[in-house]
Amino acid sequence: MDYSKEFANKSTISACLTLRDQLLNSEEIFDLINQVKEANSDEKKNIGAKLNIIKKEIQDASDGRIQIIQTSNQKITISNLILPLFFQIPIS
């Protein structure tokens, strides 16, 4: 699953973290955890690997969107600092 699509419409870091927590606590994750508990050693490795991949994909998608939000916020902050200075320059 492409989790980045889940995060694409989030505009705040808080919204990303909330969605990340919801996904990490989803029924799919809990089902896999229960499967690991009930599986034999070979199955545990396979199911555990699948679980770790899903968790990593969720975390990476969340981190990627948060990075975009932070970069956007930095650009806005820089613009807010530079633009007022630009308008204070006397034109002669």
Protein backbone atom coordinates (compact mmCIF):
# COMPACT_ATOMS: atom_id res chain seq x y z
CA MET A 1 0.00 0.00 0.00
CA ASP A 2 1.20 3.51 -0.80
CA TYR A 3 0.81 5.26 2.54
CA SER A 4 2.08 8.56 1.13
CA LYS A 5 -1.36 9.00 -0.46
CA GLU A 6 -2.90 8.78 3.01
CA PHE A 7 -0.70 11.65 4.19
CA ALA A 8 -0.85 13.80 1.04
CA ASN A 9 -3.77 15.95 2.18
CA LYS A 10 -2.44 16.59 5.68
CA SER A 11 -1.37 20.19 6.18
CA THR A 12 -0.03 20.12 9.73
CA ILE A 13 2.55 18.08 11.57
CA SER A 14 -0.05 17.29 14.21
CA ALA A 15 -2.40 15.84 11.59
CA CYS A 16 0.43 13.67 10.24
CA LEU A 17 1.30 12.36 13.68
CA THR A 18 -2.35 11.62 14.45
CA LEU A 19 -2.77 9.69 11.20
CA ARG A 20 0.51 7.86 11.78
CA ASP A 21 -0.67 6.76 15.22
CA GLN A 22 -4.04 5.67 13.83
CA LEU A 23 -2.38 3.59 11.11
CA LEU A 24 0.12 2.03 13.52
CA ASN A 25 -2.75 1.09 15.82
CA SER A 26 -4.97 -0.22 13.04
CA GLU A 27 -6.70 -3.57 12.99
CA GLU A 28 -4.29 -4.75 10.27
CA ILE A 29 -1.30 -4.16 12.56
CA PHE A 30 -2.96 -5.85 15.53
CA ASP A 31 -3.93 -8.83 13.37
CA LEU A 32 -0.31 -9.24 12.28
CA ILE A 33 0.90 -8.97 15.89
CA ASN A 34 -1.55 -11.69 16.91
CA GLN A 35 -0.44 -13.85 13.98
CA VAL A 36 3.17 -13.50 15.13
CA LYS A 37 2.18 -14.61 18.64
CA GLU A 38 0.40 -17.70 17.31
CA ALA A 39 2.85 -18.68 14.55
CA ASN A 40 5.69 -21.18 14.57
CA SER A 41 9.26 -19.90 14.33
CA ASP A 42 9.48 -19.79 10.50
CA GLU A 43 6.11 -18.09 10.19
CA LYS A 44 7.05 -15.63 12.94
CA LYS A 45 10.02 -14.46 10.90
CA ASN A 46 7.94 -13.95 7.76
CA ILE A 47 5.00 -12.28 9.49
CA GLY A 48 7.35 -10.19 11.64
CA ALA A 49 9.22 -9.04 8.54
CA LYS A 50 5.93 -8.08 6.89
CA LEU A 51 4.87 -6.20 10.02
CA ASN A 52 8.17 -4.31 10.14
CA ILE A 53 7.88 -3.36 6.47
CA ILE A 54 4.38 -1.97 6.97
CA LYS A 55 5.46 0.00 10.05
CA LYS A 56 8.46 1.40 8.17
CA GLU A 57 6.30 2.39 5.18
CA ILE A 58 3.88 4.22 7.49
CA GLN A 59 6.72 5.98 9.32
CA ASP A 60 8.48 6.93 6.07
CA ALA A 61 5.27 8.33 4.58
CA SER A 62 4.64 10.34 7.74
CA ASP A 63 8.23 11.62 7.88
CA GLY A 64 8.13 12.55 4.19
CA ARG A 65 4.98 14.63 4.56
CA ILE A 66 6.27 16.27 7.75
CA GLN A 67 9.46 17.22 5.90
CA ILE A 68 7.38 18.86 3.15
CA ILE A 69 5.33 20.77 5.73
CA GLN A 70 8.45 21.95 7.58
CA THR A 71 10.13 23.07 4.35
CA SER A 72 7.00 24.96 3.34
CA ASN A 73 6.80 26.63 6.76
CA GLN A 74 10.46 27.67 6.52
CA LYS A 75 9.88 29.25 3.11
CA ILE A 76 6.90 31.18 4.47
CA THR A 77 8.94 32.38 7.46
CA ILE A 78 11.81 33.55 5.24
CA SER A 79 9.37 35.33 2.93
CA ASN A 80 7.76 37.04 5.90
CA LEU A 81 11.17 38.31 6.98
CA ILE A 82 12.40 39.42 3.55
CA LEU A 83 9.30 41.02 2.04
CA PRO A 84 8.90 43.71 4.73
CA LEU A 85 12.55 44.66 4.23
CA PHE A 86 12.00 44.96 0.50
CA PHE A 87 9.18 47.44 0.98
CA GLN A 88 11.27 49.58 3.33
CA ILE A 89 13.88 50.34 0.67
CA PRO A 90 13.45 53.96 -0.42
CA ILE A 91 12.98 54.43 -4.13
CA SER A 92 14.59 57.62 -5.42
